[in-house]
Amino acid sequence: MIYGNRKVTKAVDKAQQTAQIVAQVKQLLEKKIIKIEGNVVYLYPQILKTKESALNWMKCVYTYCVLKKHIRDKETLLFENIENKEPIGKMALSPKLLIEINP
């Protein structure tokens, strides 16, 4: 929609988006695809399809942990392989992958 020579878009409902993130991460926990212990998230690296989706996925899990696991904002969250405990990535202010993802 154009209003006064400016393009106006509908604002994203942040509460609805956050609720959806919490629900999806909760499903992954129930299916035992991921496991969260303290500040470490254990997961199967096969669920990270591309670098972009992996970084977004890490942000979503970080949001969940801040809301539900009561880690402090800007605290480091580590991502490790659930099978052999090898580091996959970490998230503090921004996500960082420690492995190479090939689509």
PDB file of N, CA and C in Angstrom:
ATOM      1  N   MET A   1       0.849  -1.156   0.000  1.00  0.00           N
ATOM      2  CA  MET A   1       0.000   0.000   0.000  1.00  0.00           C
ATOM      3  C   MET A   1       0.906   1.234   0.000  1.00  0.00           C
ATOM      4  N   ILE A   2       0.532   2.238  -0.773  1.00  0.00           N
ATOM      5  CA  ILE A   2       1.279   3.495  -0.836  1.00  0.00           C
ATOM      6  C   ILE A   2       0.470   4.545  -0.071  1.00  0.00           C
ATOM      7  N   TYR A   3       1.133   5.252   0.820  1.00  0.00           N
ATOM      8  CA  TYR A   3       0.481   6.296   1.589  1.00  0.00           C
ATOM      9  C   TYR A   3       1.433   7.477   1.672  1.00  0.00           C
ATOM     10  N   GLY A   4       1.046   8.589   1.095  1.00  0.00           N
ATOM     11  CA  GLY A   4       1.868   9.802   1.129  1.00  0.00           C
ATOM     12  C   GLY A   4       3.233   9.585   0.508  1.00  0.00           C
ATOM     13  N   ASN A   5       3.276   8.929  -0.651  1.00  0.00           N
ATOM     14  CA  ASN A   5       4.522   8.642  -1.371  1.00  0.00           C
ATOM     15  C   ASN A   5       5.469   7.716  -0.608  1.00  0.00           C
ATOM     16  N   ARG A   6       4.964   7.004   0.383  1.00  0.00           N
ATOM     17  CA  ARG A   6       5.777   6.037   1.128  1.00  0.00           C
ATOM     18  C   ARG A   6       5.086   4.682   1.094  1.00  0.00           C
ATOM     19  N   LYS A   7       5.893   3.695   0.971  1.00  0.00           N
ATOM     20  CA  LYS A   7       5.349   2.349   1.003  1.00  0.00           C
ATOM     21  C   LYS A   7       5.117   1.960   2.462  1.00  0.00           C
ATOM     22  N   VAL A   8       3.920   1.527   2.769  1.00  0.00           N
ATOM     23  CA  VAL A   8       3.561   1.156   4.128  1.00  0.00           C
ATOM     24  C   VAL A   8       3.314  -0.345   4.152  1.00  0.00           C
ATOM     25  N   THR A   9       3.990  -1.020   5.057  1.00  0.00           N
ATOM     26  CA  THR A   9       3.786  -2.454   5.201  1.00  0.00           C
ATOM     27  C   THR A   9       3.224  -2.748   6.580  1.00  0.00           C
ATOM     28  N   LYS A  10       2.542  -3.845   6.674  1.00  0.00           N
ATOM     29  CA  LYS A  10       1.972  -4.251   7.946  1.00  0.00           C
ATOM     30  C   LYS A  10       3.101  -4.713   8.868  1.00  0.00           C
ATOM     31  N   ALA A  11       3.111  -4.213  10.081  1.00  0.00           N
ATOM     32  CA  ALA A  11       4.141  -4.579  11.044  1.00  0.00           C
ATOM     33  C   ALA A  11       3.985  -6.036  11.449  1.00  0.00           C
ATOM     34  N   VAL A  12       5.108  -6.696  11.647  1.00  0.00           N
ATOM     35  CA  VAL A  12       5.099  -8.076  12.077  1.00  0.00           C
ATOM     36  C   VAL A  12       4.710  -8.116  13.549  1.00  0.00           C
ATOM     37  N   ASP A  13       3.777  -8.992  13.864  1.00  0.00           N
ATOM     38  CA  ASP A  13       3.349  -9.144  15.248  1.00  0.00           C
ATOM     39  C   ASP A  13       4.416  -9.940  15.997  1.00  0.00           C
ATOM     40  N   LYS A  14       5.253  -9.230  16.749  1.00  0.00           N
ATOM     41  CA  LYS A  14       6.395  -9.838  17.424  1.00  0.00           C
ATOM     42  C   LYS A  14       5.957 -10.891  18.450  1.00  0.00           C
ATOM     43  N   ALA A  15       4.875 -10.631  19.155  1.00  0.00           N
ATOM     44  CA  ALA A  15       4.400 -11.601  20.147  1.00  0.00           C
ATOM     45  C   ALA A  15       3.964 -12.903  19.479  1.00  0.00           C
ATOM     46  N   GLN A  16       3.281 -12.788  18.361  1.00  0.00           N
ATOM     47  CA  GLN A  16       2.835 -13.978  17.641  1.00  0.00           C
ATOM     48  C   GLN A  16       4.034 -14.751  17.085  1.00  0.00           C
ATOM     49  N   GLN A  17       5.011 -14.039  16.568  1.00  0.00           N
ATOM     50  CA  GLN A  17       6.206 -14.659  16.024  1.00  0.00           C
ATOM     51  C   GLN A  17       6.993 -15.375  17.133  1.00  0.00           C
ATOM     52  N   THR A  18       7.113 -14.753  18.295  1.00  0.00           N
ATOM     53  CA  THR A  18       7.816 -15.354  19.425  1.00  0.00           C
ATOM     54  C   THR A  18       7.083 -16.596  19.919  1.00  0.00           C
ATOM     55  N   ALA A  19       5.766 -16.548  19.984  1.00  0.00           N
ATOM     56  CA  ALA A  19       4.977 -17.707  20.400  1.00  0.00           C
ATOM     57  C   ALA A  19       5.168 -18.873  19.441  1.00  0.00           C
ATOM     58  N   GLN A  20       5.262 -18.587  18.166  1.00  0.00           N
ATOM     59  CA  GLN A  20       5.480 -19.621  17.167  1.00  0.00           C
ATOM     60  C   GLN A  20       6.875 -20.248  17.327  1.00  0.00           C
ATOM     61  N   ILE A  21       7.882 -19.435  17.600  1.00  0.00           N
ATOM     62  CA  ILE A  21       9.240 -19.937  17.835  1.00  0.00           C
ATOM     63  C   ILE A  21       9.250 -20.867  19.043  1.00  0.00           C
ATOM     64  N   VAL A  22       8.626 -20.439  20.137  1.00  0.00           N
ATOM     65  CA  VAL A  22       8.584 -21.243  21.362  1.00  0.00           C
ATOM     66  C   VAL A  22       7.897 -22.584  21.099  1.00  0.00           C
ATOM     67  N   ALA A  23       6.793 -22.563  20.374  1.00  0.00           N
ATOM     68  CA  ALA A  23       6.060 -23.798  20.076  1.00  0.00           C
ATOM     69  C   ALA A  23       6.890 -24.763  19.223  1.00  0.00           C
ATOM     70  N   GLN A  24       7.600 -24.235  18.233  1.00  0.00           N
ATOM     71  CA  GLN A  24       8.396 -25.095  17.362  1.00  0.00           C
ATOM     72  C   GLN A  24       9.588 -25.706  18.085  1.00  0.00           C
ATOM     73  N   VAL A  25      10.266 -24.930  18.922  1.00  0.00           N
ATOM     74  CA  VAL A  25      11.399 -25.462  19.670  1.00  0.00           C
ATOM     75  C   VAL A  25      10.910 -26.491  20.689  1.00  0.00           C
ATOM     76  N   LYS A  26       9.765 -26.237  21.296  1.00  0.00           N
ATOM     77  CA  LYS A  26       9.188 -27.181  22.250  1.00  0.00           C
ATOM     78  C   LYS A  26       8.887 -28.516  21.572  1.00  0.00           C
ATOM     79  N   GLN A  27       8.398 -28.474  20.336  1.00  0.00           N
ATOM     80  CA  GLN A  27       8.149 -29.697  19.569  1.00  0.00           C
ATOM     81  C   GLN A  27       9.441 -30.475  19.338  1.00  0.00           C
ATOM     82  N   LEU A  28      10.514 -29.781  18.969  1.00  0.00           N
ATOM     83  CA  LEU A  28      11.800 -30.436  18.743  1.00  0.00           C
ATOM     84  C   LEU A  28      12.320 -31.081  20.023  1.00  0.00           C
ATOM     85  N   LEU A  29      12.103 -30.438  21.153  1.00  0.00           N
ATOM     86  CA  LEU A  29      12.521 -31.002  22.438  1.00  0.00           C
ATOM     87  C   LEU A  29      11.716 -32.256  22.765  1.00  0.00           C
ATOM     88  N   GLU A  30      10.410 -32.211  22.521  1.00  0.00           N
ATOM     89  CA  GLU A  30       9.548 -33.361  22.791  1.00  0.00           C
ATOM     90  C   GLU A  30       9.893 -34.551  21.902  1.00  0.00           C
ATOM     91  N   LYS A  31      10.283 -34.288  20.661  1.00  0.00           N
ATOM     92  CA  LYS A  31      10.656 -35.351  19.722  1.00  0.00           C
ATOM     93  C   LYS A  31      12.093 -35.817  19.933  1.00  0.00           C
ATOM     94  N   LYS A  32      12.802 -35.183  20.874  1.00  0.00           N
ATOM     95  CA  LYS A  32      14.195 -35.492  21.209  1.00  0.00           C
ATOM     96  C   LYS A  32      15.141 -35.322  20.028  1.00  0.00           C
ATOM     97  N   ILE A  33      14.830 -34.346  19.178  1.00  0.00           N
ATOM     98  CA  ILE A  33      15.716 -33.980  18.075  1.00  0.00           C
ATOM     99  C   ILE A  33      16.809 -33.048  18.593  1.00  0.00           C
ATOM    100  N   ILE A  34      16.459 -32.248  19.590  1.00  0.00           N
ATOM    101  CA  ILE A  34      17.439 -31.405  20.262  1.00  0.00           C
ATOM    102  C   ILE A  34      17.327 -31.630  21.763  1.00  0.00           C
ATOM    103  N   LYS A  35      18.389 -31.261  22.481  1.00  0.00           N
ATOM    104  CA  LYS A  35      18.402 -31.367  23.937  1.00  0.00           C
ATOM    105  C   LYS A  35      19.107 -30.125  24.462  1.00  0.00           C
ATOM    106  N   ILE A  36      18.541 -29.497  25.480  1.00  0.00           N
ATOM    107  CA  ILE A  36      19.136 -28.287  26.056  1.00  0.00           C
ATOM    108  C   ILE A  36      19.530 -28.583  27.500  1.00  0.00           C
ATOM    109  N   GLU A  37      20.809 -28.390  27.792  1.00  0.00           N
ATOM    110  CA  GLU A  37      21.325 -28.552  29.147  1.00  0.00           C
ATOM    111  C   GLU A  37      22.131 -27.311  29.496  1.00  0.00           C
ATOM    112  N   GLY A  38      21.595 -26.492  30.364  1.00  0.00           N
ATOM    113  CA  GLY A  38      22.271 -25.252  30.740  1.00  0.00           C
ATOM    114  C   GLY A  38      22.409 -24.336  29.540  1.00  0.00           C
ATOM    115  N   ASN A  39      23.636 -23.991  29.191  1.00  0.00           N
ATOM    116  CA  ASN A  39      23.896 -23.113  28.050  1.00  0.00           C
ATOM    117  C   ASN A  39      24.377 -23.884  26.829  1.00  0.00           C
ATOM    118  N   VAL A  40      24.085 -25.183  26.777  1.00  0.00           N
ATOM    119  CA  VAL A  40      24.512 -26.008  25.652  1.00  0.00           C
ATOM    120  C   VAL A  40      23.281 -26.641  25.004  1.00  0.00           C
ATOM    121  N   VAL A  41      23.206 -26.499  23.677  1.00  0.00           N
ATOM    122  CA  VAL A  41      22.139 -27.119  22.898  1.00  0.00           C
ATOM    123  C   VAL A  41      22.771 -28.251  22.097  1.00  0.00           C
ATOM    124  N   TYR A  42      22.279 -29.472  22.322  1.00  0.00           N
ATOM    125  CA  TYR A  42      22.760 -30.636  21.587  1.00  0.00           C
ATOM    126  C   TYR A  42      21.767 -30.927  20.466  1.00  0.00           C
ATOM    127  N   LEU A  43      22.289 -31.142  19.264  1.00  0.00           N
ATOM    128  CA  LEU A  43      21.425 -31.384  18.110  1.00  0.00           C
ATOM    129  C   LEU A  43      22.129 -32.235  17.080  1.00  0.00           C
ATOM    130  N   TYR A  44      21.352 -32.743  16.142  1.00  0.00           N
ATOM    131  CA  TYR A  44      21.904 -33.473  15.006  1.00  0.00           C
ATOM    132  C   TYR A  44      22.249 -32.451  13.923  1.00  0.00           C
ATOM    133  N   PRO A  45      23.498 -32.401  13.459  1.00  0.00           N
ATOM    134  CA  PRO A  45      23.873 -31.383  12.474  1.00  0.00           C
ATOM    135  C   PRO A  45      23.136 -31.533  11.141  1.00  0.00           C
ATOM    136  N   GLN A  46      22.531 -32.682  10.886  1.00  0.00           N
ATOM    137  CA  GLN A  46      21.808 -32.894   9.640  1.00  0.00           C
ATOM    138  C   GLN A  46      20.570 -32.001   9.519  1.00  0.00           C
ATOM    139  N   ILE A  47      20.063 -31.483  10.643  1.00  0.00           N
ATOM    140  CA  ILE A  47      18.878 -30.625  10.553  1.00  0.00           C
ATOM    141  C   ILE A  47      19.223 -29.213  10.063  1.00  0.00           C
ATOM    142  N   LEU A  48      20.506 -28.884  10.043  1.00  0.00           N
ATOM    143  CA  LEU A  48      20.942 -27.581   9.546  1.00  0.00           C
ATOM    144  C   LEU A  48      21.220 -27.710   8.049  1.00  0.00           C
ATOM    145  N   LYS A  49      20.269 -27.335   7.227  1.00  0.00           N
ATOM    146  CA  LYS A  49      20.349 -27.566   5.779  1.00  0.00           C
ATOM    147  C   LYS A  49      21.298 -26.605   5.062  1.00  0.00           C
ATOM    148  N   THR A  50      21.132 -25.309   5.285  1.00  0.00           N
ATOM    149  CA  THR A  50      21.973 -24.301   4.648  1.00  0.00           C
ATOM    150  C   THR A  50      22.533 -23.376   5.730  1.00  0.00           C
ATOM    151  N   LYS A  51      23.532 -22.605   5.372  1.00  0.00           N
ATOM    152  CA  LYS A  51      24.136 -21.686   6.342  1.00  0.00           C
ATOM    153  C   LYS A  51      23.112 -20.660   6.827  1.00  0.00           C
ATOM    154  N   GLU A  52      22.326 -20.111   5.906  1.00  0.00           N
ATOM    155  CA  GLU A  52      21.330 -19.086   6.260  1.00  0.00           C
ATOM    156  C   GLU A  52      20.268 -19.651   7.195  1.00  0.00           C
ATOM    157  N   SER A  53      19.756 -20.839   6.875  1.00  0.00           N
ATOM    158  CA  SER A  53      18.726 -21.428   7.729  1.00  0.00           C
ATOM    159  C   SER A  53      19.324 -21.838   9.078  1.00  0.00           C
ATOM    160  N   ALA A  54      20.578 -22.271   9.098  1.00  0.00           N
ATOM    161  CA  ALA A  54      21.231 -22.640  10.356  1.00  0.00           C
ATOM    162  C   ALA A  54      21.374 -21.431  11.273  1.00  0.00           C
ATOM    163  N   LEU A  55      21.779 -20.302  10.721  1.00  0.00           N
ATOM    164  CA  LEU A  55      21.928 -19.083  11.527  1.00  0.00           C
ATOM    165  C   LEU A  55      20.581 -18.617  12.058  1.00  0.00           C
ATOM    166  N   ASN A  56      19.552 -18.675  11.233  1.00  0.00           N
ATOM    167  CA  ASN A  56      18.208 -18.303  11.669  1.00  0.00           C
ATOM    168  C   ASN A  56      17.718 -19.261  12.750  1.00  0.00           C
ATOM    169  N   TRP A  57      17.966 -20.552  12.549  1.00  0.00           N
ATOM    170  CA  TRP A  57      17.559 -21.570  13.503  1.00  0.00           C
ATOM    171  C   TRP A  57      18.227 -21.322  14.851  1.00  0.00           C
ATOM    172  N   MET A  58      19.508 -20.957  14.837  1.00  0.00           N
ATOM    173  CA  MET A  58      20.238 -20.682  16.074  1.00  0.00           C
ATOM    174  C   MET A  58      19.644 -19.475  16.811  1.00  0.00           C
ATOM    175  N   LYS A  59      19.240 -18.463  16.060  1.00  0.00           N
ATOM    176  CA  LYS A  59      18.604 -17.291  16.674  1.00  0.00           C
ATOM    177  C   LYS A  59      17.289 -17.682  17.345  1.00  0.00           C
ATOM    178  N   CYS A  60      16.527 -18.553  16.690  1.00  0.00           N
ATOM    179  CA  CYS A  60      15.240 -18.989  17.248  1.00  0.00           C
ATOM    180  C   CYS A  60      15.441 -19.775  18.543  1.00  0.00           C
ATOM    181  N   VAL A  61      16.399 -20.680  18.563  1.00  0.00           N
ATOM    182  CA  VAL A  61      16.669 -21.458  19.772  1.00  0.00           C
ATOM    183  C   VAL A  61      17.173 -20.536  20.883  1.00  0.00           C
ATOM    184  N   TYR A  62      17.955 -19.539  20.520  1.00  0.00           N
ATOM    185  CA  TYR A  62      18.451 -18.573  21.501  1.00  0.00           C
ATOM    186  C   TYR A  62      17.275 -17.806  22.123  1.00  0.00           C
ATOM    187  N   THR A  63      16.332 -17.393  21.289  1.00  0.00           N
ATOM    188  CA  THR A  63      15.135 -16.705  21.790  1.00  0.00           C
ATOM    189  C   THR A  63      14.389 -17.599  22.771  1.00  0.00           C
ATOM    190  N   TYR A  64      14.231 -18.868  22.415  1.00  0.00           N
ATOM    191  CA  TYR A  64      13.551 -19.826  23.293  1.00  0.00           C
ATOM    192  C   TYR A  64      14.282 -19.934  24.632  1.00  0.00           C
ATOM    193  N   CYS A  65      15.588 -20.056  24.592  1.00  0.00           N
ATOM    194  CA  CYS A  65      16.365 -20.222  25.822  1.00  0.00           C
ATOM    195  C   CYS A  65      16.298 -18.988  26.714  1.00  0.00           C
ATOM    196  N   VAL A  66      16.285 -17.820  26.111  1.00  0.00           N
ATOM    197  CA  VAL A  66      16.173 -16.589  26.905  1.00  0.00           C
ATOM    198  C   VAL A  66      14.808 -16.531  27.591  1.00  0.00           C
ATOM    199  N   LEU A  67      13.760 -16.947  26.877  1.00  0.00           N
ATOM    200  CA  LEU A  67      12.410 -16.880  27.441  1.00  0.00           C
ATOM    201  C   LEU A  67      12.096 -18.020  28.398  1.00  0.00           C
ATOM    202  N   LYS A  68      12.457 -19.230  28.032  1.00  0.00           N
ATOM    203  CA  LYS A  68      12.024 -20.398  28.803  1.00  0.00           C
ATOM    204  C   LYS A  68      13.089 -21.006  29.703  1.00  0.00           C
ATOM    205  N   LYS A  69      14.338 -20.929  29.319  1.00  0.00           N
ATOM    206  CA  LYS A  69      15.410 -21.544  30.100  1.00  0.00           C
ATOM    207  C   LYS A  69      16.127 -20.525  30.975  1.00  0.00           C
ATOM    208  N   HIS A  70      15.688 -19.293  30.908  1.00  0.00           N
ATOM    209  CA  HIS A  70      16.167 -18.213  31.762  1.00  0.00           C
ATOM    210  C   HIS A  70      17.675 -17.974  31.685  1.00  0.00           C
ATOM    211  N   ILE A  71      18.233 -18.084  30.471  1.00  0.00           N
ATOM    212  CA  ILE A  71      19.600 -17.613  30.310  1.00  0.00           C
ATOM    213  C   ILE A  71      19.514 -16.107  30.101  1.00  0.00           C
ATOM    214  N   ARG A  72      20.528 -15.422  30.508  1.00  0.00           N
ATOM    215  CA  ARG A  72      20.519 -13.969  30.364  1.00  0.00           C
ATOM    216  C   ARG A  72      20.760 -13.575  28.918  1.00  0.00           C
ATOM    217  N   ASP A  73      20.114 -12.487  28.507  1.00  0.00           N
ATOM    218  CA  ASP A  73      20.323 -11.956  27.167  1.00  0.00           C
ATOM    219  C   ASP A  73      21.799 -11.599  27.016  1.00  0.00           C
ATOM    220  N   LYS A  74      22.369 -11.886  25.884  1.00  0.00           N
ATOM    221  CA  LYS A  74      23.781 -11.656  25.538  1.00  0.00           C
ATOM    222  C   LYS A  74      24.716 -12.673  26.189  1.00  0.00           C
ATOM    223  N   GLU A  75      24.153 -13.701  26.838  1.00  0.00           N
ATOM    224  CA  GLU A  75      24.961 -14.788  27.366  1.00  0.00           C
ATOM    225  C   GLU A  75      25.218 -15.782  26.233  1.00  0.00           C
ATOM    226  N   THR A  76      26.371 -16.423  26.215  1.00  0.00           N
ATOM    227  CA  THR A  76      26.729 -17.318  25.121  1.00  0.00           C
ATOM    228  C   THR A  76      25.985 -18.640  25.234  1.00  0.00           C
ATOM    229  N   LEU A  77      25.426 -19.069  24.106  1.00  0.00           N
ATOM    230  CA  LEU A  77      24.751 -20.362  23.986  1.00  0.00           C
ATOM    231  C   LEU A  77      25.570 -21.193  23.000  1.00  0.00           C
ATOM    232  N   LEU A  78      25.974 -22.380  23.414  1.00  0.00           N
ATOM    233  CA  LEU A  78      26.799 -23.251  22.574  1.00  0.00           C
ATOM    234  C   LEU A  78      25.930 -24.309  21.902  1.00  0.00           C
ATOM    235  N   PHE A  79      26.268 -24.652  20.665  1.00  0.00           N
ATOM    236  CA  PHE A  79      25.569 -25.694  19.920  1.00  0.00           C
ATOM    237  C   PHE A  79      26.561 -26.814  19.641  1.00  0.00           C
ATOM    238  N   GLU A  80      26.195 -28.052  20.044  1.00  0.00           N
ATOM    239  CA  GLU A  80      27.091 -29.188  19.877  1.00  0.00           C
ATOM    240  C   GLU A  80      26.359 -30.362  19.259  1.00  0.00           C
ATOM    241  N   ASN A  81      27.125 -31.252  18.630  1.00  0.00           N
ATOM    242  CA  ASN A  81      26.589 -32.465  18.042  1.00  0.00           C
ATOM    243  C   ASN A  81      26.083 -33.368  19.165  1.00  0.00           C
ATOM    244  N   ILE A  82      24.866 -33.869  19.037  1.00  0.00           N
ATOM    245  CA  ILE A  82      24.262 -34.685  20.083  1.00  0.00           C
ATOM    246  C   ILE A  82      24.939 -36.050  20.206  1.00  0.00           C
ATOM    247  N   GLU A  83      25.561 -36.514  19.126  1.00  0.00           N
ATOM    248  CA  GLU A  83      26.161 -37.842  19.126  1.00  0.00           C
ATOM    249  C   GLU A  83      27.589 -37.857  19.665  1.00  0.00           C
ATOM    250  N   ASN A  84      28.409 -36.883  19.292  1.00  0.00           N
ATOM    251  CA  ASN A  84      29.821 -36.926  19.692  1.00  0.00           C
ATOM    252  C   ASN A  84      30.308 -35.653  20.392  1.00  0.00           C
ATOM    253  N   LYS A  85      29.411 -34.753  20.729  1.00  0.00           N
ATOM    254  CA  LYS A  85      29.726 -33.534  21.496  1.00  0.00           C
ATOM    255  C   LYS A  85      30.692 -32.581  20.793  1.00  0.00           C
ATOM    256  N   GLU A  86      30.843 -32.682  19.470  1.00  0.00           N
ATOM    257  CA  GLU A  86      31.696 -31.757  18.731  1.00  0.00           C
ATOM    258  C   GLU A  86      30.980 -30.412  18.587  1.00  0.00           C
ATOM    259  N   PRO A  87      31.708 -29.298  18.685  1.00  0.00           N
ATOM    260  CA  PRO A  87      31.076 -27.982  18.546  1.00  0.00           C
ATOM    261  C   PRO A  87      30.548 -27.751  17.130  1.00  0.00           C
ATOM    262  N   ILE A  88      29.364 -27.156  17.057  1.00  0.00           N
ATOM    263  CA  ILE A  88      28.736 -26.826  15.776  1.00  0.00           C
ATOM    264  C   ILE A  88      28.693 -25.312  15.591  1.00  0.00           C
ATOM    265  N   GLY A  89      28.370 -24.618  16.663  1.00  0.00           N
ATOM    266  CA  GLY A  89      28.264 -23.167  16.582  1.00  0.00           C
ATOM    267  C   GLY A  89      28.072 -22.559  17.951  1.00  0.00           C
ATOM    268  N   LYS A  90      27.968 -21.233  17.959  1.00  0.00           N
ATOM    269  CA  LYS A  90      27.701 -20.533  19.204  1.00  0.00           C
ATOM    270  C   LYS A  90      26.925 -19.261  18.900  1.00  0.00           C
ATOM    271  N   MET A  91      26.222 -18.794  19.901  1.00  0.00           N
ATOM    272  CA  MET A  91      25.399 -17.602  19.730  1.00  0.00           C
ATOM    273  C   MET A  91      25.531 -16.752  20.975  1.00  0.00           C
ATOM    274  N   ALA A  92      25.931 -15.505  20.782  1.00  0.00           N
ATOM    275  CA  ALA A  92      25.955 -14.532  21.879  1.00  0.00           C
ATOM    276  C   ALA A  92      25.224 -13.296  21.365  1.00  0.00           C
ATOM    277  N   LEU A  93      25.931 -12.396  20.740  1.00  0.00           N
ATOM    278  CA  LEU A  93      25.284 -11.232  20.132  1.00  0.00           C
ATOM    279  C   LEU A  93      24.795 -11.564  18.732  1.00  0.00           C
ATOM    280  N   SER A  94      25.503 -12.465  18.054  1.00  0.00           N
ATOM    281  CA  SER A  94      25.095 -12.921  16.734  1.00  0.00           C
ATOM    282  C   SER A  94      25.532 -14.379  16.581  1.00  0.00           C
ATOM    283  N   PRO A  95      24.829 -15.152  15.755  1.00  0.00           N
ATOM    284  CA  PRO A  95      25.191 -16.557  15.605  1.00  0.00           C
ATOM    285  C   PRO A  95      26.475 -16.737  14.810  1.00  0.00           C
ATOM    286  N   LYS A  96      27.216 -17.774  15.157  1.00  0.00           N
ATOM    287  CA  LYS A  96      28.452 -18.078  14.450  1.00  0.00           C
ATOM    288  C   LYS A  96      28.550 -19.583  14.289  1.00  0.00           C
ATOM    289  N   LEU A  97      28.680 -20.036  13.040  1.00  0.00           N
ATOM    290  CA  LEU A  97      28.848 -21.457  12.759  1.00  0.00           C
ATOM    291  C   LEU A  97      30.313 -21.827  12.862  1.00  0.00           C
ATOM    292  N   LEU A  98      30.590 -22.972  13.464  1.00  0.00           N
ATOM    293  CA  LEU A  98      31.955 -23.451  13.592  1.00  0.00           C
ATOM    294  C   LEU A  98      32.238 -24.610  12.652  1.00  0.00           C
ATOM    295  N   ILE A  99      31.223 -25.023  11.887  1.00  0.00           N
ATOM    296  CA  ILE A  99      31.373 -26.105  10.925  1.00  0.00           C
ATOM    297  C   ILE A  99      30.976 -25.610   9.548  1.00  0.00           C
ATOM    298  N   GLU A 100      31.354 -26.349   8.541  1.00  0.00           N
ATOM    299  CA  GLU A 100      30.983 -26.032   7.157  1.00  0.00           C
ATOM    300  C   GLU A 100      29.711 -26.799   6.819  1.00  0.00           C
ATOM    301  N   ILE A 101      28.737 -26.107   6.249  1.00  0.00           N
ATOM    302  CA  ILE A 101      27.485 -26.749   5.845  1.00  0.00           C
ATOM    303  C   ILE A 101      27.429 -26.772   4.330  1.00  0.00           C
ATOM    304  N   ASN A 102      27.271 -27.964   3.775  1.00  0.00           N
ATOM    305  CA  ASN A 102      27.156 -28.141   2.344  1.00  0.00           C
ATOM    306  C   ASN A 102      25.737 -28.556   1.999  1.00  0.00           C
ATOM    307  N   PRO A 103      25.028 -27.741   1.211  1.00  0.00           N
ATOM    308  CA  PRO A 103      23.638 -28.099   0.857  1.00  0.00           C
ATOM    309  C   PRO A 103      23.555 -29.296  -0.058  1.00  0.00           C
TER     310      PRO A 103
END
